[in-house]
């Protein structure tokens, strides 16, 4: 998990790109370039990639969002880091041993993922019964800054082998 001037990090960064905010992708692209970090965006639609950044690639999958989720679960290693707002996907990745961040900088962990899944399922049952629950608050500068800081801390820890 460490780097030398001649090598890149021994882990990868996975991004569930189907619903990732543009700002999150930009932050990820800068981190990939700065660290020489292999970064893989997985989506069921074309994802614009940065020019002149050989560390970033996209995997286009056919079908629905679950196909992209399954591709990440199948291909990610426990040492990797992932970014997703999809709580069921996060649960699978946390179970596999990955560090998983949401686009607002919150880390999904073994200690909080069960509660997050329960809340998600409860809110989903409310919506299917016709209750309007609203959605998440707008993604703004505060959330963008929180994500950038959390990603930096996470990648620094991984680079140091923690």
C-alpha atoms as a PDB file:
ATOM      1  CA  UNK A   1       0.000   0.000   0.000  1.00  0.00           C
ATOM      2  CA  UNK A   2       2.978   2.274  -0.102  1.00  0.00           C
ATOM      3  CA  UNK A   3       4.434   4.032  -3.064  1.00  0.00           C
ATOM      4  CA  UNK A   4       7.891   4.823  -4.253  1.00  0.00           C
ATOM      5  CA  UNK A   5       8.804   7.290  -6.971  1.00  0.00           C
ATOM      6  CA  UNK A   6       8.742   4.445  -9.514  1.00  0.00           C
ATOM      7  CA  UNK A   7       5.441   2.808  -8.577  1.00  0.00           C
ATOM      8  CA  UNK A   8       1.818   3.693  -8.128  1.00  0.00           C
ATOM      9  CA  UNK A   9      -0.302   2.807  -5.094  1.00  0.00           C
ATOM     10  CA  UNK A  10      -1.110  -0.876  -4.633  1.00  0.00           C
ATOM     11  CA  UNK A  11      -4.829  -0.225  -4.325  1.00  0.00           C
ATOM     12  CA  UNK A  12      -7.474   1.148  -6.646  1.00  0.00           C
ATOM     13  CA  UNK A  13     -10.252   3.686  -6.322  1.00  0.00           C
ATOM     14  CA  UNK A  14     -13.686   2.561  -7.550  1.00  0.00           C
ATOM     15  CA  UNK A  15     -16.451   5.059  -8.280  1.00  0.00           C
ATOM     16  CA  UNK A  16     -20.094   4.101  -8.704  1.00  0.00           C
ATOM     17  CA  UNK A  17     -20.446   6.682 -11.453  1.00  0.00           C
ATOM     18  CA  UNK A  18     -24.136   6.222 -12.249  1.00  0.00           C
ATOM     19  CA  UNK A  19     -25.195   8.873  -9.759  1.00  0.00           C
ATOM     20  CA  UNK A  20     -21.946  10.434  -8.554  1.00  0.00           C
ATOM     21  CA  UNK A  21     -22.100  14.235  -8.645  1.00  0.00           C
ATOM     22  CA  UNK A  22     -19.859  15.929 -11.206  1.00  0.00           C
ATOM     23  CA  UNK A  23     -17.922  17.629  -8.387  1.00  0.00           C
ATOM     24  CA  UNK A  24     -17.124  14.250  -6.830  1.00  0.00           C
ATOM     25  CA  UNK A  25     -15.759  12.994 -10.138  1.00  0.00           C
ATOM     26  CA  UNK A  26     -13.604  16.110 -10.529  1.00  0.00           C
ATOM     27  CA  UNK A  27     -12.135  15.627  -7.040  1.00  0.00           C
ATOM     28  CA  UNK A  28     -11.474  11.957  -7.808  1.00  0.00           C
ATOM     29  CA  UNK A  29      -9.807  12.843 -11.123  1.00  0.00           C
ATOM     30  CA  UNK A  30      -7.446  15.282  -9.396  1.00  0.00           C
ATOM     31  CA  UNK A  31      -6.558  12.719  -6.723  1.00  0.00           C
ATOM     32  CA  UNK A  32      -5.864  10.072  -9.378  1.00  0.00           C
ATOM     33  CA  UNK A  33      -3.524  12.394 -11.263  1.00  0.00           C
ATOM     34  CA  UNK A  34      -1.756  13.628  -8.125  1.00  0.00           C
ATOM     35  CA  UNK A  35      -1.193  10.150  -6.668  1.00  0.00           C
ATOM     36  CA  UNK A  36      -0.881   8.080  -9.836  1.00  0.00           C
ATOM     37  CA  UNK A  37      -3.837   6.104  -8.505  1.00  0.00           C
ATOM     38  CA  UNK A  38      -5.689   3.689 -10.746  1.00  0.00           C
ATOM     39  CA  UNK A  39      -9.263   4.956 -10.675  1.00  0.00           C
ATOM     40  CA  UNK A  40     -12.159   3.092 -12.231  1.00  0.00           C
ATOM     41  CA  UNK A  41     -15.585   4.598 -12.859  1.00  0.00           C
ATOM     42  CA  UNK A  42     -18.316   2.042 -13.429  1.00  0.00           C
ATOM     43  CA  UNK A  43     -21.623   3.069 -14.992  1.00  0.00           C
ATOM     44  CA  UNK A  44     -24.385   1.939 -17.301  1.00  0.00           C
ATOM     45  CA  UNK A  45     -23.979   5.099 -19.395  1.00  0.00           C
ATOM     46  CA  UNK A  46     -21.015   6.877 -20.967  1.00  0.00           C
ATOM     47  CA  UNK A  47     -18.968   8.829 -18.453  1.00  0.00           C
ATOM     48  CA  UNK A  48     -16.790  11.719 -19.640  1.00  0.00           C
ATOM     49  CA  UNK A  49     -13.167  11.130 -18.642  1.00  0.00           C
ATOM     50  CA  UNK A  50     -10.477  13.737 -18.104  1.00  0.00           C
ATOM     51  CA  UNK A  51      -7.967  14.331 -20.869  1.00  0.00           C
ATOM     52  CA  UNK A  52      -4.311  13.531 -20.192  1.00  0.00           C
ATOM     53  CA  UNK A  53      -4.988  11.427 -17.105  1.00  0.00           C
ATOM     54  CA  UNK A  54      -3.918   7.850 -17.848  1.00  0.00           C
ATOM     55  CA  UNK A  55      -4.836   6.740 -14.322  1.00  0.00           C
ATOM     56  CA  UNK A  56      -8.593   7.087 -14.873  1.00  0.00           C
ATOM     57  CA  UNK A  57     -10.691   4.685 -16.908  1.00  0.00           C
ATOM     58  CA  UNK A  58     -14.339   3.818 -17.209  1.00  0.00           C
ATOM     59  CA  UNK A  59     -16.140   0.514 -17.444  1.00  0.00           C
ATOM     60  CA  UNK A  60     -19.434   0.705 -19.282  1.00  0.00           C
ATOM     61  CA  UNK A  61     -21.854  -2.047 -18.307  1.00  0.00           C
ATOM     62  CA  UNK A  62     -25.133  -2.914 -19.944  1.00  0.00           C
ATOM     63  CA  UNK A  63     -28.403  -3.045 -18.074  1.00  0.00           C
ATOM     64  CA  UNK A  64     -29.456  -1.369 -14.864  1.00  0.00           C
ATOM     65  CA  UNK A  65     -27.589   0.072 -11.936  1.00  0.00           C
ATOM     66  CA  UNK A  66     -27.347  -3.309 -10.227  1.00  0.00           C
ATOM     67  CA  UNK A  67     -25.135  -4.523 -13.072  1.00  0.00           C
ATOM     68  CA  UNK A  68     -22.653  -1.735 -12.360  1.00  0.00           C
ATOM     69  CA  UNK A  69     -22.858  -2.468  -8.644  1.00  0.00           C
ATOM     70  CA  UNK A  70     -22.165  -6.153  -9.193  1.00  0.00           C
ATOM     71  CA  UNK A  71     -19.183  -5.359 -11.415  1.00  0.00           C
ATOM     72  CA  UNK A  72     -17.636  -3.281  -8.639  1.00  0.00           C
ATOM     73  CA  UNK A  73     -18.310  -5.994  -6.038  1.00  0.00           C
ATOM     74  CA  UNK A  74     -16.829  -8.674  -8.295  1.00  0.00           C
ATOM     75  CA  UNK A  75     -13.692  -6.763  -9.300  1.00  0.00           C
ATOM     76  CA  UNK A  76     -12.778  -4.750  -6.185  1.00  0.00           C
ATOM     77  CA  UNK A  77     -10.190  -6.038  -3.725  1.00  0.00           C
ATOM     78  CA  UNK A  78     -10.340  -5.600   0.054  1.00  0.00           C
ATOM     79  CA  UNK A  79      -7.444  -3.117  -0.075  1.00  0.00           C
ATOM     80  CA  UNK A  80      -9.349  -0.854  -2.477  1.00  0.00           C
ATOM     81  CA  UNK A  81     -11.368   2.275  -1.752  1.00  0.00           C
ATOM     82  CA  UNK A  82     -14.836   2.934  -3.184  1.00  0.00           C
ATOM     83  CA  UNK A  83     -17.147   5.919  -3.564  1.00  0.00           C
ATOM     84  CA  UNK A  84     -20.902   5.349  -3.737  1.00  0.00           C
ATOM     85  CA  UNK A  85     -24.169   6.759  -2.458  1.00  0.00           C
ATOM     86  CA  UNK A  86     -25.813   3.361  -2.960  1.00  0.00           C
ATOM     87  CA  UNK A  87     -26.210   1.913   0.536  1.00  0.00           C
ATOM     88  CA  UNK A  88     -26.819  -1.728  -0.510  1.00  0.00           C
ATOM     89  CA  UNK A  89     -23.667  -1.571  -2.660  1.00  0.00           C
ATOM     90  CA  UNK A  90     -21.766   0.032   0.210  1.00  0.00           C
ATOM     91  CA  UNK A  91     -22.884  -2.815   2.492  1.00  0.00           C
ATOM     92  CA  UNK A  92     -21.513  -5.428   0.100  1.00  0.00           C
ATOM     93  CA  UNK A  93     -18.213  -3.564  -0.241  1.00  0.00           C
ATOM     94  CA  UNK A  94     -17.824  -2.988   3.505  1.00  0.00           C
ATOM     95  CA  UNK A  95     -18.470  -6.695   4.038  1.00  0.00           C
ATOM     96  CA  UNK A  96     -15.689  -7.397   1.532  1.00  0.00           C
ATOM     97  CA  UNK A  97     -13.301  -5.181   3.529  1.00  0.00           C
ATOM     98  CA  UNK A  98     -13.148  -2.012   1.425  1.00  0.00           C
ATOM     99  CA  UNK A  99     -13.152   1.505   2.782  1.00  0.00           C
ATOM    100  CA  UNK A 100     -16.305   3.076   1.337  1.00  0.00           C
ATOM    101  CA  UNK A 101     -17.134   6.791   1.246  1.00  0.00           C
ATOM    102  CA  UNK A 102     -20.334   8.465   0.203  1.00  0.00           C
ATOM    103  CA  UNK A 103     -20.231  11.648  -1.928  1.00  0.00           C
ATOM    104  CA  UNK A 104     -20.750  13.753   1.208  1.00  0.00           C
ATOM    105  CA  UNK A 105     -17.606  12.408   2.881  1.00  0.00           C
ATOM    106  CA  UNK A 106     -19.252   9.974   5.296  1.00  0.00           C
ATOM    107  CA  UNK A 107     -17.549   6.616   5.663  1.00  0.00           C
ATOM    108  CA  UNK A 108     -19.664   3.482   5.625  1.00  0.00           C
ATOM    109  CA  UNK A 109     -18.243   1.040   8.149  1.00  0.00           C
ATOM    110  CA  UNK A 110     -19.095  -2.295   9.767  1.00  0.00           C
ATOM    111  CA  UNK A 111     -20.372  -0.345  12.782  1.00  0.00           C
ATOM    112  CA  UNK A 112     -22.813   1.892  10.852  1.00  0.00           C
ATOM    113  CA  UNK A 113     -23.805   0.057   7.688  1.00  0.00           C
ATOM    114  CA  UNK A 114     -26.549  -2.018   9.328  1.00  0.00           C
ATOM    115  CA  UNK A 115     -28.265   1.103  10.656  1.00  0.00           C
ATOM    116  CA  UNK A 116     -27.896   2.845   7.294  1.00  0.00           C
ATOM    117  CA  UNK A 117     -29.507  -0.123   5.533  1.00  0.00           C
ATOM    118  CA  UNK A 118     -32.379  -0.196   8.035  1.00  0.00           C
ATOM    119  CA  UNK A 119     -33.077   3.512   7.585  1.00  0.00           C
ATOM    120  CA  UNK A 120     -32.877   3.186   3.810  1.00  0.00           C
ATOM    121  CA  UNK A 121     -35.292   0.248   3.821  1.00  0.00           C
ATOM    122  CA  UNK A 122     -37.692   2.068   6.157  1.00  0.00           C
ATOM    123  CA  UNK A 123     -37.688   5.198   3.974  1.00  0.00           C
ATOM    124  CA  UNK A 124     -38.187   3.040   0.891  1.00  0.00           C
ATOM    125  CA  UNK A 125     -41.219   1.371   2.494  1.00  0.00           C
ATOM    126  CA  UNK A 126     -42.655   4.793   3.317  1.00  0.00           C
ATOM    127  CA  UNK A 127     -42.205   5.951  -0.282  1.00  0.00           C
ATOM    128  CA  UNK A 128     -43.798   2.797  -1.711  1.00  0.00           C
ATOM    129  CA  UNK A 129     -46.802   3.315   0.569  1.00  0.00           C
ATOM    130  CA  UNK A 130     -47.259   6.834  -0.831  1.00  0.00           C
ATOM    131  CA  UNK A 131     -45.610   8.931   1.877  1.00  0.00           C
ATOM    132  CA  UNK A 132     -43.527  11.789   0.478  1.00  0.00           C
ATOM    133  CA  UNK A 133     -40.199  11.666   2.264  1.00  0.00           C
ATOM    134  CA  UNK A 134     -38.282  14.267   0.276  1.00  0.00           C
ATOM    135  CA  UNK A 135     -34.770  13.625  -0.838  1.00  0.00           C
ATOM    136  CA  UNK A 136     -31.297  14.458   0.324  1.00  0.00           C
ATOM    137  CA  UNK A 137     -30.345  18.091   0.736  1.00  0.00           C
ATOM    138  CA  UNK A 138     -28.689  19.858  -2.187  1.00  0.00           C
ATOM    139  CA  UNK A 139     -25.067  19.030  -2.926  1.00  0.00           C
ATOM    140  CA  UNK A 140     -23.137  22.233  -2.302  1.00  0.00           C
ATOM    141  CA  UNK A 141     -19.738  23.588  -1.354  1.00  0.00           C
ATOM    142  CA  UNK A 142     -19.922  22.225   2.189  1.00  0.00           C
ATOM    143  CA  UNK A 143     -20.578  18.671   0.970  1.00  0.00           C
ATOM    144  CA  UNK A 144     -17.947  18.976  -1.724  1.00  0.00           C
ATOM    145  CA  UNK A 145     -15.346  20.119   0.832  1.00  0.00           C
ATOM    146  CA  UNK A 146     -16.320  17.330   3.250  1.00  0.00           C
ATOM    147  CA  UNK A 147     -15.907  14.734   0.492  1.00  0.00           C
ATOM    148  CA  UNK A 148     -12.540  16.132  -0.636  1.00  0.00           C
ATOM    149  CA  UNK A 149     -11.227  16.084   2.935  1.00  0.00           C
ATOM    150  CA  UNK A 150     -12.515  12.559   3.619  1.00  0.00           C
ATOM    151  CA  UNK A 151     -11.060  11.238   0.359  1.00  0.00           C
ATOM    152  CA  UNK A 152      -7.696  12.836   1.104  1.00  0.00           C
ATOM    153  CA  UNK A 153      -7.614  11.329   4.624  1.00  0.00           C
ATOM    154  CA  UNK A 154      -8.662   7.908   3.332  1.00  0.00           C
ATOM    155  CA  UNK A 155      -6.181   7.796   0.463  1.00  0.00           C
ATOM    156  CA  UNK A 156      -3.351   9.075   2.691  1.00  0.00           C
ATOM    157  CA  UNK A 157      -4.090   6.333   5.226  1.00  0.00           C
ATOM    158  CA  UNK A 158      -4.167   3.678   2.476  1.00  0.00           C
ATOM    159  CA  UNK A 159      -0.891   4.973   1.036  1.00  0.00           C
ATOM    160  CA  UNK A 160       0.662   4.576   4.493  1.00  0.00           C
ATOM    161  CA  UNK A 161      -0.601   1.025   4.692  1.00  0.00           C
ATOM    162  CA  UNK A 162      -3.420   1.577   7.187  1.00  0.00           C
END
